[in-house]
Amino acid sequence: MKNLKKRRRVQIIVLAFVALGISTGLIGYALQDGINYYRSPSEVMAEPPSSDEVFRMGGLVSDGTLVRGQGETVSFSVTDGGAVVPVTFTGVLPDLFGENQGMIGTGKYVDGTFEASEILAKHDEDYMPKEVVDSLKETGVYVEPTS
Protein backbone atom coordinates (compact mmCIF):
# COMPACT_ATOMS: atom_id res chain seq x y z
CA MET A 1 0.00 0.00 0.00
CA LYS A 2 2.82 2.40 0.92
CA ASN A 3 4.65 1.57 -2.30
CA LEU A 4 1.51 2.34 -4.36
CA LYS A 5 1.17 5.85 -2.79
CA LYS A 6 4.81 6.57 -3.48
CA ARG A 7 4.46 5.46 -7.11
CA ARG A 8 1.34 7.65 -7.56
CA ARG A 9 3.20 10.71 -6.19
CA VAL A 10 6.10 10.13 -8.55
CA GLN A 11 3.68 9.73 -11.49
CA ILE A 12 1.89 12.98 -10.59
CA ILE A 13 5.18 14.88 -10.26
CA VAL A 14 6.44 13.54 -13.61
CA LEU A 15 3.11 14.38 -15.27
CA ALA A 16 3.23 17.92 -13.83
CA PHE A 17 6.75 18.47 -15.24
CA VAL A 18 5.71 17.14 -18.65
CA ALA A 19 2.65 19.43 -18.67
CA LEU A 20 4.84 22.39 -17.62
CA GLY A 21 7.32 21.63 -20.42
CA ILE A 22 4.59 21.32 -23.05
CA SER A 23 2.90 24.55 -21.95
CA THR A 24 6.22 26.44 -21.96
CA GLY A 25 6.92 25.17 -25.48
CA LEU A 26 3.47 26.20 -26.70
CA ILE A 27 3.80 29.68 -25.19
CA GLY A 28 7.21 30.14 -26.79
CA TYR A 29 5.87 29.03 -30.16
CA ALA A 30 2.89 31.39 -29.90
CA LEU A 31 5.12 34.36 -29.04
CA GLN A 32 7.65 33.60 -31.77
CA ASP A 33 6.04 35.97 -34.29
CA GLY A 34 5.03 38.57 -31.71
CA ILE A 35 8.53 39.43 -30.51
CA ASN A 36 10.21 42.22 -32.49
CA TYR A 37 13.80 43.05 -31.66
CA TYR A 38 15.04 46.64 -31.74
CA ARG A 39 17.98 47.62 -33.94
CA SER A 40 19.57 51.01 -34.47
CA PRO A 41 20.39 52.17 -38.02
CA SER A 42 24.10 51.49 -37.33
CA GLU A 43 23.32 47.89 -36.35
CA VAL A 44 21.14 47.42 -39.45
CA MET A 45 23.89 48.68 -41.75
CA ALA A 46 26.64 46.68 -39.97
CA GLU A 47 24.72 43.39 -40.06
CA PRO A 48 21.71 43.56 -42.38
CA PRO A 49 18.92 41.22 -41.19
CA SER A 50 17.29 38.75 -43.54
CA SER A 51 14.47 40.12 -45.68
CA ASP A 52 11.83 38.03 -43.91
CA GLU A 53 12.73 39.14 -40.36
CA VAL A 54 10.38 41.67 -38.76
CA PHE A 55 12.12 44.03 -36.32
CA ARG A 56 11.90 47.55 -34.89
CA MET A 57 14.25 50.32 -35.91
CA GLY A 58 14.40 53.86 -34.60
CA GLY A 59 16.31 57.09 -34.75
CA LEU A 60 15.91 60.63 -35.96
CA VAL A 61 14.25 61.41 -39.28
CA SER A 62 17.03 62.96 -41.38
CA ASP A 63 16.57 66.59 -42.37
CA GLY A 64 15.43 67.10 -45.98
CA THR A 65 14.65 63.44 -46.69
CA LEU A 66 10.87 63.36 -46.15
CA VAL A 67 9.23 62.80 -49.55
CA ARG A 68 5.53 62.14 -49.93
CA GLY A 69 4.82 59.89 -52.89
CA GLN A 70 1.62 58.99 -54.60
CA GLY A 71 -1.27 58.11 -52.32
CA GLU A 72 -0.19 57.33 -48.78
CA THR A 73 3.39 56.30 -49.66
CA VAL A 74 6.10 58.22 -47.83
CA SER A 75 9.86 57.82 -47.99
CA PHE A 76 12.49 59.27 -45.67
CA SER A 77 15.77 58.37 -44.01
CA VAL A 78 16.45 57.54 -40.37
CA THR A 79 19.78 58.11 -38.66
CA ASP A 80 21.36 57.52 -35.29
CA GLY A 81 24.35 59.69 -36.14
CA GLY A 82 26.42 56.72 -37.25
CA ALA A 83 24.46 55.41 -40.22
CA VAL A 84 21.53 56.40 -42.40
CA VAL A 85 18.85 53.91 -43.47
CA PRO A 86 16.26 54.71 -46.17
CA VAL A 87 12.67 53.97 -45.11
CA THR A 88 9.43 53.58 -47.04
CA PHE A 89 6.01 53.53 -45.44
CA THR A 90 2.53 53.24 -46.88
CA GLY A 91 -0.16 54.49 -44.56
CA VAL A 92 -1.10 57.44 -42.43
CA LEU A 93 1.78 58.96 -40.47
CA PRO A 94 1.28 60.10 -36.87
CA ASP A 95 0.48 63.81 -36.48
CA LEU A 96 3.74 64.56 -34.66
CA PHE A 97 5.92 62.85 -37.25
CA GLY A 98 8.44 65.16 -38.89
CA GLU A 99 12.06 65.80 -39.80
CA ASN A 100 14.59 65.87 -36.93
CA GLN A 101 12.05 64.04 -34.75
CA GLY A 102 12.45 60.69 -33.04
CA MET A 103 10.57 57.72 -34.44
CA ILE A 104 10.37 53.95 -34.19
CA GLY A 105 9.16 51.79 -37.05
CA THR A 106 8.28 48.13 -37.30
CA GLY A 107 8.99 46.37 -40.57
CA LYS A 108 11.46 44.47 -42.75
CA TYR A 109 14.79 45.38 -44.36
CA VAL A 110 14.43 44.53 -48.06
CA ASP A 111 16.99 45.40 -50.76
CA GLY A 112 18.67 48.13 -48.72
CA THR A 113 15.43 49.82 -47.64
CA PHE A 114 13.51 49.45 -44.39
CA GLU A 115 9.89 48.80 -45.40
CA ALA A 116 7.89 49.93 -42.39
CA SER A 117 4.45 48.52 -41.64
CA GLU A 118 3.97 50.74 -38.58
CA ILE A 119 5.46 54.10 -37.55
CA LEU A 120 5.40 55.54 -34.04
CA ALA A 121 6.44 59.13 -33.34
CA LYS A 122 7.20 60.93 -30.13
CA HIS A 123 4.19 62.40 -28.35
CA ASP A 124 5.52 65.70 -26.99
CA GLU A 125 8.51 67.99 -27.30
CA ASP A 126 10.58 66.23 -24.61
CA TYR A 127 9.83 62.53 -25.05
CA MET A 128 11.90 60.23 -27.23
CA PRO A 129 11.72 56.42 -27.10
CA LYS A 130 14.35 54.92 -24.77
CA GLU A 131 15.83 52.72 -27.50
CA VAL A 132 16.33 55.74 -29.76
CA VAL A 133 17.94 57.79 -26.95
CA ASP A 134 20.30 54.91 -26.13
CA SER A 135 21.43 54.46 -29.73
CA LEU A 136 21.88 58.23 -30.19
CA LYS A 137 23.93 58.43 -26.99
CA GLU A 138 26.20 55.62 -28.25
CA THR A 139 27.02 57.61 -31.36
CA GLY A 140 27.33 60.92 -29.47
CA VAL A 141 24.48 62.63 -31.33
CA TYR A 142 21.96 62.89 -28.49
CA VAL A 143 21.57 66.28 -26.79
CA GLU A 144 19.68 66.46 -23.49
CA PRO A 145 16.49 68.57 -23.81
CA THR A 146 16.57 71.83 -21.86
CA SER A 147 13.62 72.83 -19.73
C-alpha atoms as a PDB file:
ATOM      1  CA  MET A   1       0.000   0.000   0.000  1.00  0.00           C
ATOM      2  CA  LYS A   2       2.820   2.402   0.922  1.00  0.00           C
ATOM      3  CA  ASN A   3       4.651   1.567  -2.298  1.00  0.00           C
ATOM      4  CA  LEU A   4       1.511   2.340  -4.363  1.00  0.00           C
ATOM      5  CA  LYS A   5       1.166   5.849  -2.794  1.00  0.00           C
ATOM      6  CA  LYS A   6       4.815   6.565  -3.482  1.00  0.00           C
ATOM      7  CA  ARG A   7       4.459   5.465  -7.111  1.00  0.00           C
ATOM      8  CA  ARG A   8       1.343   7.655  -7.560  1.00  0.00           C
ATOM      9  CA  ARG A   9       3.202  10.708  -6.190  1.00  0.00           C
ATOM     10  CA  VAL A  10       6.099  10.133  -8.553  1.00  0.00           C
ATOM     11  CA  GLN A  11       3.677   9.733 -11.487  1.00  0.00           C
ATOM     12  CA  ILE A  12       1.889  12.983 -10.590  1.00  0.00           C
ATOM     13  CA  ILE A  13       5.184  14.878 -10.265  1.00  0.00           C
ATOM     14  CA  VAL A  14       6.443  13.543 -13.609  1.00  0.00           C
ATOM     15  CA  LEU A  15       3.106  14.377 -15.266  1.00  0.00           C
ATOM     16  CA  ALA A  16       3.229  17.924 -13.828  1.00  0.00           C
ATOM     17  CA  PHE A  17       6.752  18.465 -15.235  1.00  0.00           C
ATOM     18  CA  VAL A  18       5.706  17.135 -18.647  1.00  0.00           C
ATOM     19  CA  ALA A  19       2.651  19.434 -18.669  1.00  0.00           C
ATOM     20  CA  LEU A  20       4.843  22.386 -17.625  1.00  0.00           C
ATOM     21  CA  GLY A  21       7.324  21.632 -20.416  1.00  0.00           C
ATOM     22  CA  ILE A  22       4.593  21.323 -23.048  1.00  0.00           C
ATOM     23  CA  SER A  23       2.896  24.552 -21.945  1.00  0.00           C
ATOM     24  CA  THR A  24       6.222  26.439 -21.964  1.00  0.00           C
ATOM     25  CA  GLY A  25       6.916  25.169 -25.478  1.00  0.00           C
ATOM     26  CA  LEU A  26       3.467  26.204 -26.702  1.00  0.00           C
ATOM     27  CA  ILE A  27       3.802  29.682 -25.188  1.00  0.00           C
ATOM     28  CA  GLY A  28       7.207  30.136 -26.791  1.00  0.00           C
ATOM     29  CA  TYR A  29       5.868  29.026 -30.164  1.00  0.00           C
ATOM     30  CA  ALA A  30       2.886  31.388 -29.896  1.00  0.00           C
ATOM     31  CA  LEU A  31       5.120  34.362 -29.038  1.00  0.00           C
ATOM     32  CA  GLN A  32       7.652  33.601 -31.765  1.00  0.00           C
ATOM     33  CA  ASP A  33       6.044  35.971 -34.294  1.00  0.00           C
ATOM     34  CA  GLY A  34       5.028  38.566 -31.707  1.00  0.00           C
ATOM     35  CA  ILE A  35       8.526  39.435 -30.513  1.00  0.00           C
ATOM     36  CA  ASN A  36      10.213  42.215 -32.491  1.00  0.00           C
ATOM     37  CA  TYR A  37      13.796  43.054 -31.655  1.00  0.00           C
ATOM     38  CA  TYR A  38      15.040  46.643 -31.742  1.00  0.00           C
ATOM     39  CA  ARG A  39      17.979  47.622 -33.939  1.00  0.00           C
ATOM     40  CA  SER A  40      19.569  51.013 -34.474  1.00  0.00           C
ATOM     41  CA  PRO A  41      20.387  52.168 -38.024  1.00  0.00           C
ATOM     42  CA  SER A  42      24.102  51.493 -37.330  1.00  0.00           C
ATOM     43  CA  GLU A  43      23.315  47.888 -36.348  1.00  0.00           C
ATOM     44  CA  VAL A  44      21.143  47.417 -39.447  1.00  0.00           C
ATOM     45  CA  MET A  45      23.894  48.677 -41.753  1.00  0.00           C
ATOM     46  CA  ALA A  46      26.637  46.685 -39.975  1.00  0.00           C
ATOM     47  CA  GLU A  47      24.725  43.392 -40.058  1.00  0.00           C
ATOM     48  CA  PRO A  48      21.707  43.565 -42.376  1.00  0.00           C
ATOM     49  CA  PRO A  49      18.923  41.223 -41.194  1.00  0.00           C
ATOM     50  CA  SER A  50      17.286  38.747 -43.541  1.00  0.00           C
ATOM     51  CA  SER A  51      14.473  40.121 -45.685  1.00  0.00           C
ATOM     52  CA  ASP A  52      11.826  38.028 -43.912  1.00  0.00           C
ATOM     53  CA  GLU A  53      12.729  39.138 -40.363  1.00  0.00           C
ATOM     54  CA  VAL A  54      10.380  41.668 -38.758  1.00  0.00           C
ATOM     55  CA  PHE A  55      12.117  44.031 -36.321  1.00  0.00           C
ATOM     56  CA  ARG A  56      11.900  47.550 -34.888  1.00  0.00           C
ATOM     57  CA  MET A  57      14.255  50.322 -35.910  1.00  0.00           C
ATOM     58  CA  GLY A  58      14.402  53.856 -34.597  1.00  0.00           C
ATOM     59  CA  GLY A  59      16.314  57.089 -34.748  1.00  0.00           C
ATOM     60  CA  LEU A  60      15.911  60.632 -35.958  1.00  0.00           C
ATOM     61  CA  VAL A  61      14.250  61.406 -39.283  1.00  0.00           C
ATOM     62  CA  SER A  62      17.028  62.957 -41.376  1.00  0.00           C
ATOM     63  CA  ASP A  63      16.574  66.590 -42.375  1.00  0.00           C
ATOM     64  CA  GLY A  64      15.429  67.098 -45.979  1.00  0.00           C
ATOM     65  CA  THR A  65      14.649  63.437 -46.695  1.00  0.00           C
ATOM     66  CA  LEU A  66      10.868  63.362 -46.149  1.00  0.00           C
ATOM     67  CA  VAL A  67       9.227  62.796 -49.551  1.00  0.00           C
ATOM     68  CA  ARG A  68       5.529  62.145 -49.932  1.00  0.00           C
ATOM     69  CA  GLY A  69       4.823  59.891 -52.890  1.00  0.00           C
ATOM     70  CA  GLN A  70       1.615  58.993 -54.600  1.00  0.00           C
ATOM     71  CA  GLY A  71      -1.270  58.106 -52.323  1.00  0.00           C
ATOM     72  CA  GLU A  72      -0.188  57.328 -48.779  1.00  0.00           C
ATOM     73  CA  THR A  73       3.390  56.301 -49.662  1.00  0.00           C
ATOM     74  CA  VAL A  74       6.103  58.219 -47.831  1.00  0.00           C
ATOM     75  CA  SER A  75       9.863  57.823 -47.992  1.00  0.00           C
ATOM     76  CA  PHE A  76      12.491  59.270 -45.667  1.00  0.00           C
ATOM     77  CA  SER A  77      15.771  58.367 -44.006  1.00  0.00           C
ATOM     78  CA  VAL A  78      16.446  57.541 -40.371  1.00  0.00           C
ATOM     79  CA  THR A  79      19.775  58.110 -38.660  1.00  0.00           C
ATOM     80  CA  ASP A  80      21.364  57.519 -35.286  1.00  0.00           C
ATOM     81  CA  GLY A  81      24.353  59.688 -36.136  1.00  0.00           C
ATOM     82  CA  GLY A  82      26.419  56.719 -37.253  1.00  0.00           C
ATOM     83  CA  ALA A  83      24.456  55.412 -40.223  1.00  0.00           C
ATOM     84  CA  VAL A  84      21.527  56.400 -42.401  1.00  0.00           C
ATOM     85  CA  VAL A  85      18.845  53.910 -43.469  1.00  0.00           C
ATOM     86  CA  PRO A  86      16.257  54.714 -46.165  1.00  0.00           C
ATOM     87  CA  VAL A  87      12.671  53.974 -45.109  1.00  0.00           C
ATOM     88  CA  THR A  88       9.431  53.584 -47.045  1.00  0.00           C
ATOM     89  CA  PHE A  89       6.008  53.530 -45.443  1.00  0.00           C
ATOM     90  CA  THR A  90       2.530  53.237 -46.885  1.00  0.00           C
ATOM     91  CA  GLY A  91      -0.161  54.491 -44.564  1.00  0.00           C
ATOM     92  CA  VAL A  92      -1.102  57.442 -42.429  1.00  0.00           C
ATOM     93  CA  LEU A  93       1.778  58.957 -40.467  1.00  0.00           C
ATOM     94  CA  PRO A  94       1.283  60.097 -36.871  1.00  0.00           C
ATOM     95  CA  ASP A  95       0.479  63.813 -36.478  1.00  0.00           C
ATOM     96  CA  LEU A  96       3.739  64.565 -34.660  1.00  0.00           C
ATOM     97  CA  PHE A  97       5.923  62.847 -37.251  1.00  0.00           C
ATOM     98  CA  GLY A  98       8.443  65.165 -38.891  1.00  0.00           C
ATOM     99  CA  GLU A  99      12.060  65.804 -39.804  1.00  0.00           C
ATOM    100  CA  ASN A 100      14.592  65.868 -36.935  1.00  0.00           C
ATOM    101  CA  GLN A 101      12.046  64.041 -34.753  1.00  0.00           C
ATOM    102  CA  GLY A 102      12.445  60.685 -33.041  1.00  0.00           C
ATOM    103  CA  MET A 103      10.572  57.718 -34.442  1.00  0.00           C
ATOM    104  CA  ILE A 104      10.375  53.953 -34.195  1.00  0.00           C
ATOM    105  CA  GLY A 105       9.165  51.795 -37.050  1.00  0.00           C
ATOM    106  CA  THR A 106       8.276  48.128 -37.302  1.00  0.00           C
ATOM    107  CA  GLY A 107       8.987  46.369 -40.572  1.00  0.00           C
ATOM    108  CA  LYS A 108      11.463  44.469 -42.754  1.00  0.00           C
ATOM    109  CA  TYR A 109      14.788  45.377 -44.362  1.00  0.00           C
ATOM    110  CA  VAL A 110      14.426  44.533 -48.057  1.00  0.00           C
ATOM    111  CA  ASP A 111      16.993  45.403 -50.759  1.00  0.00           C
ATOM    112  CA  GLY A 112      18.670  48.133 -48.716  1.00  0.00           C
ATOM    113  CA  THR A 113      15.433  49.821 -47.636  1.00  0.00           C
ATOM    114  CA  PHE A 114      13.506  49.453 -44.393  1.00  0.00           C
ATOM    115  CA  GLU A 115       9.889  48.801 -45.405  1.00  0.00           C
ATOM    116  CA  ALA A 116       7.886  49.933 -42.390  1.00  0.00           C
ATOM    117  CA  SER A 117       4.451  48.519 -41.644  1.00  0.00           C
ATOM    118  CA  GLU A 118       3.971  50.737 -38.576  1.00  0.00           C
ATOM    119  CA  ILE A 119       5.457  54.098 -37.552  1.00  0.00           C
ATOM    120  CA  LEU A 120       5.405  55.537 -34.043  1.00  0.00           C
ATOM    121  CA  ALA A 121       6.437  59.126 -33.344  1.00  0.00           C
ATOM    122  CA  LYS A 122       7.198  60.929 -30.129  1.00  0.00           C
ATOM    123  CA  HIS A 123       4.188  62.398 -28.355  1.00  0.00           C
ATOM    124  CA  ASP A 124       5.518  65.700 -26.995  1.00  0.00           C
ATOM    125  CA  GLU A 125       8.515  67.987 -27.302  1.00  0.00           C
ATOM    126  CA  ASP A 126      10.580  66.232 -24.609  1.00  0.00           C
ATOM    127  CA  TYR A 127       9.832  62.530 -25.053  1.00  0.00           C
ATOM    128  CA  MET A 128      11.897  60.229 -27.235  1.00  0.00           C
ATOM    129  CA  PRO A 129      11.719  56.416 -27.095  1.00  0.00           C
ATOM    130  CA  LYS A 130      14.352  54.917 -24.773  1.00  0.00           C
ATOM    131  CA  GLU A 131      15.831  52.716 -27.498  1.00  0.00           C
ATOM    132  CA  VAL A 132      16.329  55.742 -29.759  1.00  0.00           C
ATOM    133  CA  VAL A 133      17.938  57.789 -26.953  1.00  0.00           C
ATOM    134  CA  ASP A 134      20.298  54.910 -26.126  1.00  0.00           C
ATOM    135  CA  SER A 135      21.429  54.458 -29.735  1.00  0.00           C
ATOM    136  CA  LEU A 136      21.881  58.228 -30.191  1.00  0.00           C
ATOM    137  CA  LYS A 137      23.932  58.425 -26.991  1.00  0.00           C
ATOM    138  CA  GLU A 138      26.199  55.617 -28.246  1.00  0.00           C
ATOM    139  CA  THR A 139      27.020  57.613 -31.362  1.00  0.00           C
ATOM    140  CA  GLY A 140      27.325  60.921 -29.470  1.00  0.00           C
ATOM    141  CA  VAL A 141      24.477  62.635 -31.331  1.00  0.00           C
ATOM    142  CA  TYR A 142      21.962  62.895 -28.487  1.00  0.00           C
ATOM    143  CA  VAL A 143      21.565  66.279 -26.791  1.00  0.00           C
ATOM    144  CA  GLU A 144      19.676  66.464 -23.486  1.00  0.00           C
ATOM    145  CA  PRO A 145      16.489  68.574 -23.811  1.00  0.00           C
ATOM    146  CA  THR A 146      16.569  71.826 -21.862  1.00  0.00           C
ATOM    147  CA  SER A 147      13.617  72.827 -19.726  1.00  0.00           C
END
